[in-house]
Amino acid sequence: MPKTVVVIGGGITGLSACFHLTRATSNPKVILLEASGRLGGWVQSTRTEDGAIFEHGPRGVRPAGTVGKNTLQMVSELGLENKLLPVQKDSIAAKNRFLYVGGKLCRLPSSFSGICKTQEPFTKPLISHLLREPLVSQSKEPDESVYSFALRRFGKEIADNAIDSLCRGIFAGDCRQLSLRSCFPILYTAERGYGSVLLGMLLTADQPHQFRSPLISRALTEGWTQWSLQGGMQTLPEALEDDLRKNSVEIHRDTTVSKIEPQSNGSWKINLENGSIRADHVISAVSSRALSCLLPPSLEALASELRQISSASVAVVNLEYQGNVLPITGFGHLVPSMESRGVLGVVYDSCLFPEQDRAGAPSTRVTVMLGGAWFHEAFGSPEQANHKELLAVAKETIRTHLGVSAEPLRSILNIQQDSIAQYAVGHWKRLDTIYNIISDHALGLSLTGASYEGVSVNDCIFNARNIVEKLFS
């Protein structure tokens, strides 16, 4: 077992890997290297003097499934229970979700009675699409696009409106390019195992999980659909950093890794701007493309595969308005690509977490997401995009979609470059190739993070845990 482990990348994945390394029974020395001046990666919150919170990355975490319960387990261990802000299933924010289609907002059904009625933008009840799904023949292809899958099993209306929008909301991606097998493995497995998505989901809904805690029981009992934290999502990486320091993890910010080189004895030499360090094992928690730039020429085959995993850039525009200006309440709305290429969707932050509004007079916070897989097409290069233009598009979106013509009290714009990995059709095969190269070369190297097996906060935390458990099993 490795005595010294270096973790490259101090985002939520790298922090989570270090968290579990400190719990390893062999008590390895843990060194965390982060190139920037802050930890947390894409999890980043702005806290204003008047109490308003603005999220520039993930703004909530789902408690569902094994990965969601794993994150709640970590939250418990970090002592953050009293800082949780849950959204319960009977809240307006959980029940009201919208699509912007045909120049108007359409509320999505949130109950059984809802799917039995015809609601715009659909021309017949959703249940009619669902009832025909078990009769559709199973695909024999090892992978297909999310769009192809949805078109085949649910029809064009669902694929063009709901699934297209869903992929833009989760991945900022094009469902015609994204892999079903890698982006929605539960759907892929359900069809393969049961011949039907509906049957598969129903028969596997109550699978046991390994995590037990009073917090998990509370989330289940109260019906949480997601949660955030007082002080914003950044509270989580801050708590992780505090925990790591208490457990003697060496944390190095503003530390750029220039190259990592495998040594003849199986260890690694990690070259920094000023000197180098050695490690028995390296955990890469940076993007696949960032890692590809660190590998030596002898590992060009690995670097080449890593470079093929692309990512999308998203402009995140936080807007705050005076008063309660929204004509509707809910989680927010998504925009299918046929409606707008550049506008992905809008989150109604004040409906979701009103506790994070400014103190005093009423205000409304919203976040507009722009770009994604269409960034270059709509706005040009993310490096050179015109911030004034992006802000104008965001404000015009709020005006046309929600009827809010007032100027915002505050606006914050961040272009999150290459922030969301895009799992193209065949991604699973590329991962097999990557893992086989690492195994064939007997490299003391583990890969984790959003480039590989899930882009959500939950996925990143869970996969970091798995990497550490495999390393010390």
Protein backbone atom coordinates (compact mmCIF):
# COMPACT_ATOMS: atom_id res chain seq x y z
CA MET A 1 0.00 0.00 0.00
CA PRO A 2 1.30 3.49 -0.83
CA LYS A 3 2.91 5.44 1.98
CA THR A 4 2.70 8.81 0.22
CA VAL A 5 -0.22 9.81 -2.00
CA VAL A 6 -0.26 13.03 -4.00
CA VAL A 7 -3.65 14.34 -5.11
CA ILE A 8 -3.51 16.75 -8.05
CA GLY A 9 -6.45 19.15 -8.12
CA GLY A 10 -8.21 20.79 -5.18
CA GLY A 11 -11.75 20.84 -6.51
CA ILE A 12 -14.56 18.95 -4.81
CA THR A 13 -13.19 15.65 -6.18
CA GLY A 14 -9.65 16.17 -4.94
CA LEU A 15 -10.86 17.34 -1.54
CA SER A 16 -13.12 14.29 -1.25
CA ALA A 17 -10.27 11.96 -2.20
CA CYS A 18 -8.11 13.50 0.53
CA PHE A 19 -11.00 13.22 3.01
CA HIS A 20 -11.20 9.46 2.47
CA LEU A 21 -7.42 9.04 2.38
CA THR A 22 -7.27 10.44 5.92
CA ARG A 23 -9.67 7.67 6.96
CA ALA A 24 -7.49 4.89 5.47
CA THR A 25 -6.26 2.45 8.12
CA SER A 26 -2.69 2.50 6.79
CA ASN A 27 -2.49 6.25 7.50
CA PRO A 28 -0.68 7.40 4.33
CA LYS A 29 0.96 10.79 4.00
CA VAL A 30 -1.39 12.91 1.87
CA ILE A 31 -0.32 15.90 -0.22
CA LEU A 32 -2.85 18.04 -2.10
CA LEU A 33 -1.63 20.23 -4.97
CA GLU A 34 -3.88 22.99 -6.34
CA ALA A 35 -2.77 25.36 -9.10
CA SER A 36 -5.12 28.22 -8.18
CA GLY A 37 -5.35 30.27 -5.03
CA ARG A 38 -8.59 28.68 -3.82
CA LEU A 39 -10.03 25.23 -3.20
CA GLY A 40 -13.39 23.92 -4.35
CA GLY A 41 -13.04 24.08 -8.12
CA TRP A 42 -16.36 24.79 -9.80
CA VAL A 43 -18.10 24.92 -6.41
CA GLN A 44 -17.89 28.65 -5.83
CA SER A 45 -20.20 31.08 -4.03
CA THR A 46 -20.18 34.87 -3.69
CA ARG A 47 -21.31 36.11 -0.27
CA THR A 48 -22.35 39.74 -0.16
CA GLU A 49 -22.38 42.11 2.80
CA ASP A 50 -26.18 42.24 2.77
CA GLY A 51 -26.43 38.45 3.06
CA ALA A 52 -27.27 37.50 -0.54
CA ILE A 53 -25.59 34.37 -1.90
CA PHE A 54 -24.75 33.87 -5.57
CA GLU A 55 -23.65 30.50 -6.91
CA HIS A 56 -21.30 30.37 -9.89
CA GLY A 57 -21.34 26.58 -10.15
CA PRO A 58 -23.56 23.89 -8.60
CA ARG A 59 -26.33 25.45 -6.49
CA GLY A 60 -27.85 22.35 -4.94
CA VAL A 61 -27.26 18.64 -4.39
CA ARG A 62 -29.76 15.83 -4.81
CA PRO A 63 -29.97 13.36 -1.88
CA ALA A 64 -31.33 10.54 -4.05
CA GLY A 65 -29.64 7.23 -4.73
CA THR A 66 -26.44 5.74 -3.41
CA VAL A 67 -24.33 8.68 -4.54
CA GLY A 68 -26.65 11.19 -2.87
CA LYS A 69 -26.68 9.29 0.40
CA ASN A 70 -22.89 9.03 0.29
CA THR A 71 -22.65 12.82 0.13
CA LEU A 72 -25.04 13.19 3.06
CA GLN A 73 -22.86 10.76 4.99
CA MET A 74 -19.89 13.06 4.37
CA VAL A 75 -21.94 16.09 5.39
CA SER A 76 -22.71 14.33 8.68
CA GLU A 77 -19.06 13.50 9.30
CA LEU A 78 -18.14 17.12 8.64
CA GLY A 79 -20.69 18.32 11.21
CA LEU A 80 -22.69 20.39 8.74
CA GLU A 81 -26.18 19.11 9.62
CA ASN A 82 -27.21 22.40 11.21
CA LYS A 83 -26.22 24.36 8.10
CA LEU A 84 -28.35 22.39 5.65
CA LEU A 85 -31.07 24.09 3.62
CA PRO A 86 -33.34 21.32 2.30
CA VAL A 87 -35.94 21.57 -0.45
CA GLN A 88 -38.83 19.20 0.25
CA LYS A 89 -40.88 17.40 -2.39
CA ASP A 90 -44.09 19.26 -1.58
CA SER A 91 -42.48 22.69 -2.02
CA ILE A 92 -43.24 24.91 -5.01
CA ALA A 93 -39.58 24.80 -6.02
CA ALA A 94 -39.72 21.01 -6.24
CA LYS A 95 -43.08 20.75 -8.00
CA ASN A 96 -42.95 23.60 -10.49
CA ARG A 97 -40.48 23.15 -13.35
CA PHE A 98 -40.94 24.72 -16.74
CA LEU A 99 -39.87 24.53 -20.37
CA TYR A 100 -39.70 27.63 -22.55
CA VAL A 101 -41.17 26.49 -25.86
CA GLY A 102 -42.90 28.45 -28.60
CA GLY A 103 -42.21 31.74 -26.88
CA LYS A 104 -43.94 30.82 -23.61
CA LEU A 105 -43.39 28.95 -20.38
CA CYS A 106 -44.95 25.50 -20.11
CA ARG A 107 -45.23 23.81 -16.72
CA LEU A 108 -44.12 20.19 -16.64
CA PRO A 109 -46.43 17.63 -14.98
CA SER A 110 -45.45 16.78 -11.41
CA SER A 111 -48.15 14.25 -10.50
CA PHE A 112 -49.87 11.18 -11.91
CA SER A 113 -52.94 13.22 -12.77
CA GLY A 114 -50.68 15.65 -14.60
CA ILE A 115 -49.23 13.03 -16.93
CA CYS A 116 -52.75 11.83 -17.75
CA LYS A 117 -53.72 15.22 -19.21
CA THR A 118 -52.52 16.97 -22.35
CA GLN A 119 -50.26 19.86 -21.36
CA GLU A 120 -48.23 22.15 -23.57
CA PRO A 121 -45.79 21.78 -25.22
CA PHE A 122 -46.98 18.19 -25.74
CA THR A 123 -49.89 17.32 -28.01
CA LYS A 124 -51.04 14.28 -26.04
CA PRO A 125 -50.78 13.07 -22.43
CA LEU A 126 -47.31 11.95 -21.37
CA ILE A 127 -48.75 8.68 -20.11
CA SER A 128 -49.45 7.67 -23.71
CA HIS A 129 -45.72 7.85 -24.44
CA LEU A 130 -44.91 5.93 -21.27
CA LEU A 131 -47.39 3.13 -21.90
CA ARG A 132 -45.95 2.34 -25.32
CA GLU A 133 -42.38 2.29 -24.01
CA PRO A 134 -42.35 -1.35 -22.75
CA LEU A 135 -43.45 -2.47 -26.23
CA VAL A 136 -40.44 -0.92 -28.00
CA SER A 137 -37.77 -3.39 -29.08
CA GLN A 138 -34.41 -3.29 -27.34
CA SER A 139 -31.36 -1.80 -29.04
CA LYS A 140 -28.53 -4.17 -29.93
CA GLU A 141 -25.92 -1.40 -30.18
CA PRO A 142 -23.34 -1.13 -27.37
CA ASP A 143 -24.09 2.60 -27.10
CA GLU A 144 -26.17 5.29 -28.76
CA SER A 145 -26.90 8.98 -28.36
CA VAL A 146 -29.33 10.10 -25.69
CA TYR A 147 -31.50 11.61 -28.42
CA SER A 148 -31.59 8.38 -30.43
CA PHE A 149 -32.63 6.46 -27.33
CA ALA A 150 -35.38 8.93 -26.41
CA LEU A 151 -36.67 9.11 -29.97
CA ARG A 152 -36.81 5.33 -30.21
CA ARG A 153 -38.48 4.67 -26.87
CA PHE A 154 -40.61 7.78 -26.23
CA GLY A 155 -41.10 9.57 -29.55
CA LYS A 156 -40.09 12.84 -31.16
CA GLU A 157 -42.04 15.21 -28.88
CA ILE A 158 -40.36 13.88 -25.75
CA ALA A 159 -36.94 13.78 -27.40
CA ASP A 160 -37.11 17.29 -28.89
CA ASN A 161 -38.57 19.05 -25.87
CA ALA A 162 -37.97 17.19 -22.61
CA ILE A 163 -34.80 15.17 -23.24
CA ASP A 164 -33.06 17.87 -25.27
CA SER A 165 -33.72 20.37 -22.47
CA LEU A 166 -32.72 17.92 -19.75
CA CYS A 167 -29.31 17.33 -21.33
CA ARG A 168 -28.79 21.08 -21.65
CA GLY A 169 -29.66 21.50 -17.97
CA ILE A 170 -27.44 18.70 -16.65
CA PHE A 171 -24.54 18.61 -19.11
CA ALA A 172 -24.92 21.91 -21.01
CA GLY A 173 -24.66 19.42 -23.86
CA ASP A 174 -26.24 18.28 -27.11
CA CYS A 175 -28.30 15.12 -26.60
CA ARG A 176 -27.58 14.19 -30.22
CA GLN A 177 -23.90 13.81 -29.32
CA LEU A 178 -24.04 12.63 -25.70
CA SER A 179 -23.74 8.95 -24.80
CA LEU A 180 -26.73 7.24 -23.22
CA ARG A 181 -24.53 4.56 -21.67
CA SER A 182 -22.24 7.07 -19.94
CA CYS A 183 -24.60 9.98 -19.24
CA PHE A 184 -27.61 7.96 -18.07
CA PRO A 185 -26.27 4.52 -17.13
CA ILE A 186 -29.42 3.73 -15.13
CA LEU A 187 -31.53 4.02 -18.31
CA TYR A 188 -29.05 1.98 -20.33
CA THR A 189 -28.99 -0.74 -17.67
CA ALA A 190 -32.78 -0.76 -17.31
CA GLU A 191 -33.30 -1.37 -21.03
CA ARG A 192 -30.53 -3.99 -21.21
CA GLY A 193 -31.61 -5.85 -18.11
CA TYR A 194 -35.40 -5.65 -18.37
CA GLY A 195 -36.15 -4.72 -21.98
CA SER A 196 -37.93 -1.60 -20.75
CA VAL A 197 -36.90 1.58 -18.98
CA LEU A 198 -40.14 1.74 -17.01
CA LEU A 199 -39.99 -1.88 -15.84
CA GLY A 200 -36.30 -1.60 -15.03
CA MET A 201 -36.77 1.56 -12.99
CA LEU A 202 -39.74 0.12 -11.10
CA LEU A 203 -38.02 -3.17 -10.29
CA THR A 204 -34.78 -1.56 -9.10
CA ALA A 205 -36.26 1.45 -7.27
CA ASP A 206 -35.69 0.10 -3.75
CA GLN A 207 -32.19 -1.31 -4.06
CA PRO A 208 -30.36 -1.39 -0.70
CA HIS A 209 -27.51 0.99 -0.03
CA GLN A 210 -24.59 0.89 2.38
CA PHE A 211 -25.08 4.27 4.03
CA ARG A 212 -26.96 4.79 7.27
CA SER A 213 -27.15 7.93 9.39
CA PRO A 214 -29.78 10.03 11.16
CA LEU A 215 -29.34 12.68 8.46
CA ILE A 216 -30.05 10.22 5.64
CA SER A 217 -33.14 8.99 7.51
CA ARG A 218 -34.29 12.58 7.98
CA ALA A 219 -33.86 13.34 4.26
CA LEU A 220 -35.91 10.27 3.35
CA THR A 221 -38.63 10.96 5.92
CA GLU A 222 -38.99 14.63 4.98
CA GLY A 223 -38.84 13.91 1.26
CA TRP A 224 -35.91 16.12 0.30
CA THR A 225 -35.43 16.70 -3.41
CA GLN A 226 -32.20 18.66 -2.99
CA TRP A 227 -30.27 20.74 -0.51
CA SER A 228 -27.78 23.56 -0.17
CA LEU A 229 -25.92 25.07 2.78
CA GLN A 230 -25.91 28.30 4.72
CA GLY A 231 -23.25 30.43 3.10
CA GLY A 232 -23.78 28.65 -0.21
CA MET A 233 -22.32 25.49 -1.66
CA GLN A 234 -18.80 26.80 -1.02
CA THR A 235 -19.39 25.94 2.64
CA LEU A 236 -18.80 22.28 1.70
CA PRO A 237 -15.24 22.62 0.31
CA GLU A 238 -14.41 24.99 3.17
CA ALA A 239 -15.49 22.37 5.70
CA LEU A 240 -13.49 19.73 3.83
CA GLU A 241 -10.40 21.93 3.91
CA ASP A 242 -10.77 22.42 7.68
CA ASP A 243 -11.12 18.66 8.14
CA LEU A 244 -8.04 17.94 6.01
CA ARG A 245 -5.90 20.39 7.96
CA LYS A 246 -7.00 18.78 11.23
CA ASN A 247 -5.92 15.44 9.77
CA SER A 248 -2.45 16.66 8.75
CA VAL A 249 -2.97 16.80 4.98
CA GLU A 250 -0.34 18.98 3.31
CA ILE A 251 -2.28 21.52 1.25
CA HIS A 252 -0.38 23.53 -1.35
CA ARG A 253 -2.30 26.27 -3.18
CA ASP A 254 -0.85 28.29 -6.06
CA THR A 255 1.22 25.22 -6.88
CA THR A 256 1.40 24.34 -10.56
CA VAL A 257 2.39 20.83 -11.59
CA SER A 258 4.44 20.94 -14.80
CA LYS A 259 5.06 17.21 -15.34
CA ILE A 260 4.59 13.85 -13.64
CA GLU A 261 7.07 11.10 -14.42
CA PRO A 262 6.86 7.41 -13.47
CA GLN A 263 10.04 6.05 -11.91
CA SER A 264 11.61 2.62 -12.32
CA ASN A 265 10.66 1.63 -8.76
CA GLY A 266 6.97 2.34 -9.38
CA SER A 267 6.91 5.73 -7.68
CA TRP A 268 6.30 9.13 -9.29
CA LYS A 269 8.34 12.28 -9.61
CA ILE A 270 6.04 15.31 -9.61
CA ASN A 271 7.75 18.33 -11.12
CA LEU A 272 6.62 21.70 -9.81
CA GLU A 273 7.59 25.24 -10.79
CA ASN A 274 10.07 25.27 -7.92
CA GLY A 275 11.46 21.79 -7.35
CA SER A 276 9.81 18.39 -7.24
CA ILE A 277 8.27 15.88 -4.87
CA ARG A 278 7.96 12.11 -4.94
CA ALA A 279 4.92 9.94 -4.35
CA ASP A 280 4.13 6.24 -4.22
CA HIS A 281 0.78 6.92 -5.87
CA VAL A 282 -0.85 9.81 -7.72
CA ILE A 283 -4.57 10.54 -7.79
CA SER A 284 -5.48 12.87 -10.64
CA ALA A 285 -8.54 14.95 -9.81
CA VAL A 286 -8.06 17.44 -12.64
CA SER A 287 -9.73 17.23 -16.04
CA SER A 288 -8.57 14.59 -18.49
CA ARG A 289 -7.14 17.24 -20.82
CA ALA A 290 -5.26 18.92 -17.98
CA LEU A 291 -3.77 15.54 -17.01
CA SER A 292 -2.78 14.83 -20.62
CA CYS A 293 -0.52 17.89 -20.53
CA LEU A 294 1.34 16.56 -17.48
CA LEU A 295 2.30 13.14 -18.86
CA PRO A 296 5.74 12.38 -20.34
CA PRO A 297 6.28 11.34 -24.00
CA SER A 298 6.52 7.70 -22.92
CA LEU A 299 2.80 7.85 -22.05
CA GLU A 300 1.63 9.59 -25.22
CA ALA A 301 -0.85 6.78 -25.93
CA LEU A 302 -2.56 7.56 -22.63
CA ALA A 303 -2.36 11.31 -23.15
CA SER A 304 -3.90 10.98 -26.60
CA GLU A 305 -6.95 9.17 -25.24
CA LEU A 306 -7.34 11.67 -22.40
CA ARG A 307 -7.32 14.58 -24.85
CA GLN A 308 -10.30 13.10 -26.71
CA ILE A 309 -12.66 13.75 -23.78
CA SER A 310 -14.06 17.19 -24.50
CA SER A 311 -15.82 19.68 -22.24
CA ALA A 312 -18.25 22.57 -22.57
CA SER A 313 -17.97 26.14 -21.33
CA VAL A 314 -20.88 27.90 -19.64
CA ALA A 315 -21.46 31.58 -18.93
CA VAL A 316 -23.16 31.81 -15.54
CA VAL A 317 -24.94 35.13 -15.09
CA ASN A 318 -26.29 35.92 -11.61
CA LEU A 319 -28.91 38.69 -11.53
CA GLU A 320 -30.61 40.29 -8.53
CA TYR A 321 -33.74 42.43 -8.84
CA GLN A 322 -35.53 44.66 -6.36
CA GLY A 323 -38.79 43.22 -5.06
CA ASN A 324 -40.62 40.00 -5.90
CA VAL A 325 -40.59 40.28 -9.69
CA LEU A 326 -41.23 36.73 -10.91
CA PRO A 327 -44.67 36.11 -12.47
CA ILE A 328 -44.42 32.42 -11.55
CA THR A 329 -42.68 30.41 -8.86
CA GLY A 330 -40.72 27.19 -9.10
CA PHE A 331 -37.29 25.72 -9.66
CA GLY A 332 -36.72 27.41 -13.00
CA HIS A 333 -37.03 26.71 -16.69
CA LEU A 334 -35.00 25.01 -19.39
CA VAL A 335 -34.83 25.99 -23.04
CA PRO A 336 -34.62 23.32 -25.77
CA SER A 337 -32.04 23.87 -28.50
CA MET A 338 -34.70 24.35 -31.18
CA GLU A 339 -35.92 27.42 -29.23
CA SER A 340 -32.53 29.02 -28.56
CA ARG A 341 -29.03 27.78 -29.19
CA GLY A 342 -27.26 30.03 -26.70
CA VAL A 343 -29.70 30.19 -23.76
CA LEU A 344 -29.71 26.94 -21.78
CA GLY A 345 -32.04 27.85 -18.95
CA VAL A 346 -32.84 29.99 -15.92
CA VAL A 347 -32.83 29.03 -12.24
CA TYR A 348 -35.16 30.92 -9.88
CA ASP A 349 -32.72 31.02 -6.98
CA SER A 350 -34.98 32.99 -4.64
CA CYS A 351 -37.71 30.35 -4.99
CA LEU A 352 -35.25 27.53 -4.45
CA PHE A 353 -33.35 28.91 -1.45
CA PRO A 354 -35.06 32.08 -0.14
CA GLU A 355 -32.80 31.86 2.92
CA GLN A 356 -29.98 33.06 0.67
CA ASP A 357 -31.71 36.31 -0.34
CA ARG A 358 -30.41 39.62 0.94
CA ALA A 359 -31.61 40.82 4.35
CA GLY A 360 -34.22 43.57 4.53
CA ALA A 361 -36.32 44.60 1.55
CA PRO A 362 -37.58 41.82 -0.75
CA SER A 363 -35.41 40.90 -3.72
CA THR A 364 -35.29 38.27 -6.44
CA ARG A 365 -32.22 36.28 -7.47
CA VAL A 366 -32.07 34.37 -10.75
CA THR A 367 -29.27 32.72 -12.69
CA VAL A 368 -29.11 32.53 -16.48
CA MET A 369 -26.99 29.78 -18.07
CA LEU A 370 -25.56 30.49 -21.52
CA GLY A 371 -23.48 28.63 -24.07
CA GLY A 372 -22.57 25.06 -23.28
CA ALA A 373 -22.03 22.94 -26.38
CA TRP A 374 -23.26 25.95 -28.42
CA PHE A 375 -20.92 28.53 -26.86
CA HIS A 376 -18.70 29.02 -29.91
CA GLU A 377 -21.69 29.10 -32.26
CA ALA A 378 -23.60 31.68 -30.20
CA PHE A 379 -20.88 33.79 -28.58
CA GLY A 380 -17.51 32.93 -30.10
CA SER A 381 -14.48 31.77 -28.16
CA PRO A 382 -15.00 31.59 -24.37
CA GLU A 383 -11.57 33.18 -23.91
CA GLN A 384 -12.55 36.23 -25.96
CA ALA A 385 -16.31 36.39 -25.44
CA ASN A 386 -17.80 39.85 -24.97
CA HIS A 387 -18.97 40.11 -21.35
CA LYS A 388 -21.28 43.04 -22.13
CA GLU A 389 -22.96 40.99 -24.85
CA LEU A 390 -23.41 38.00 -22.54
CA LEU A 391 -24.89 40.20 -19.81
CA ALA A 392 -27.23 41.81 -22.34
CA VAL A 393 -28.40 38.38 -23.53
CA ALA A 394 -29.04 37.31 -19.93
CA LYS A 395 -31.09 40.42 -19.12
CA GLU A 396 -33.04 40.13 -22.38
CA THR A 397 -33.77 36.48 -21.54
CA ILE A 398 -35.30 37.51 -18.21
CA ARG A 399 -37.29 40.25 -19.97
CA THR A 400 -38.71 38.06 -22.75
CA HIS A 401 -39.13 34.82 -20.79
CA LEU A 402 -40.36 36.25 -17.48
CA GLY A 403 -41.55 39.77 -18.32
CA VAL A 404 -39.07 41.50 -16.00
CA SER A 405 -38.00 44.73 -17.70
CA ALA A 406 -36.39 46.44 -14.70
CA GLU A 407 -32.63 46.77 -14.50
CA PRO A 408 -31.07 44.37 -11.99
CA LEU A 409 -29.66 45.74 -8.75
CA ARG A 410 -26.65 43.52 -9.15
CA SER A 411 -25.14 41.32 -11.84
CA ILE A 412 -22.22 38.90 -11.71
CA LEU A 413 -20.89 37.12 -14.78
CA ASN A 414 -18.48 34.20 -14.83
CA ILE A 415 -17.44 32.24 -17.89
CA GLN A 416 -16.69 28.76 -16.57
CA GLN A 417 -14.37 27.49 -19.29
CA ASP A 418 -14.33 23.76 -20.00
CA SER A 419 -16.38 23.18 -16.86
CA ILE A 420 -18.65 20.28 -17.87
CA ALA A 421 -17.29 17.11 -19.47
CA GLN A 422 -19.11 15.91 -22.58
CA TYR A 423 -19.42 12.12 -22.73
CA ALA A 424 -19.69 11.42 -26.44
CA VAL A 425 -21.13 8.17 -27.81
CA GLY A 426 -18.50 5.49 -27.18
CA HIS A 427 -17.13 7.20 -24.05
CA TRP A 428 -17.27 3.88 -22.17
CA LYS A 429 -14.92 2.31 -24.72
CA ARG A 430 -12.43 5.15 -24.37
CA LEU A 431 -12.46 4.69 -20.59
CA ASP A 432 -11.72 0.98 -21.04
CA THR A 433 -8.74 1.89 -23.22
CA ILE A 434 -7.49 4.44 -20.69
CA TYR A 435 -7.80 2.08 -17.72
CA ASN A 436 -6.14 -0.74 -19.68
CA ILE A 437 -3.15 1.45 -20.53
CA ILE A 438 -2.72 2.35 -16.87
CA SER A 439 -2.99 -1.33 -15.89
CA ASP A 440 -0.65 -2.56 -18.65
CA HIS A 441 2.03 -0.07 -17.59
CA ALA A 442 1.45 -0.90 -13.90
CA LEU A 443 1.15 2.81 -13.16
CA GLY A 444 0.47 3.95 -9.63
CA LEU A 445 -2.08 6.37 -11.02
CA SER A 446 -5.80 6.72 -10.28
CA LEU A 447 -8.15 8.91 -12.29
CA THR A 448 -11.21 10.53 -10.80
CA GLY A 449 -13.31 13.61 -11.41
CA ALA A 450 -15.99 14.75 -13.82
CA SER A 451 -14.12 13.71 -16.98
CA TYR A 452 -14.79 10.03 -16.43
CA GLU A 453 -17.85 8.58 -14.69
CA GLY A 454 -20.31 11.32 -13.76
CA VAL A 455 -20.34 15.12 -13.75
CA SER A 456 -22.48 15.89 -10.69
CA VAL A 457 -21.16 16.86 -7.27
CA ASN A 458 -22.51 13.55 -5.95
CA ASP A 459 -20.76 11.56 -8.68
CA CYS A 460 -17.44 13.30 -8.08
CA ILE A 461 -17.57 12.71 -4.33
CA PHE A 462 -18.67 9.09 -4.68
CA ASN A 463 -16.09 8.21 -7.33
CA ALA A 464 -13.33 9.77 -5.24
CA ARG A 465 -14.38 7.52 -2.36
CA ASN A 466 -14.34 4.46 -4.63
CA ILE A 467 -10.86 5.27 -5.92
CA VAL A 468 -9.48 5.45 -2.38
CA GLU A 469 -11.25 2.26 -1.28
CA LYS A 470 -9.84 0.36 -4.27
CA LEU A 471 -6.38 1.71 -3.54
CA PHE A 472 -6.40 0.48 0.04
CA SER A 473 -8.56 -2.64 -0.30
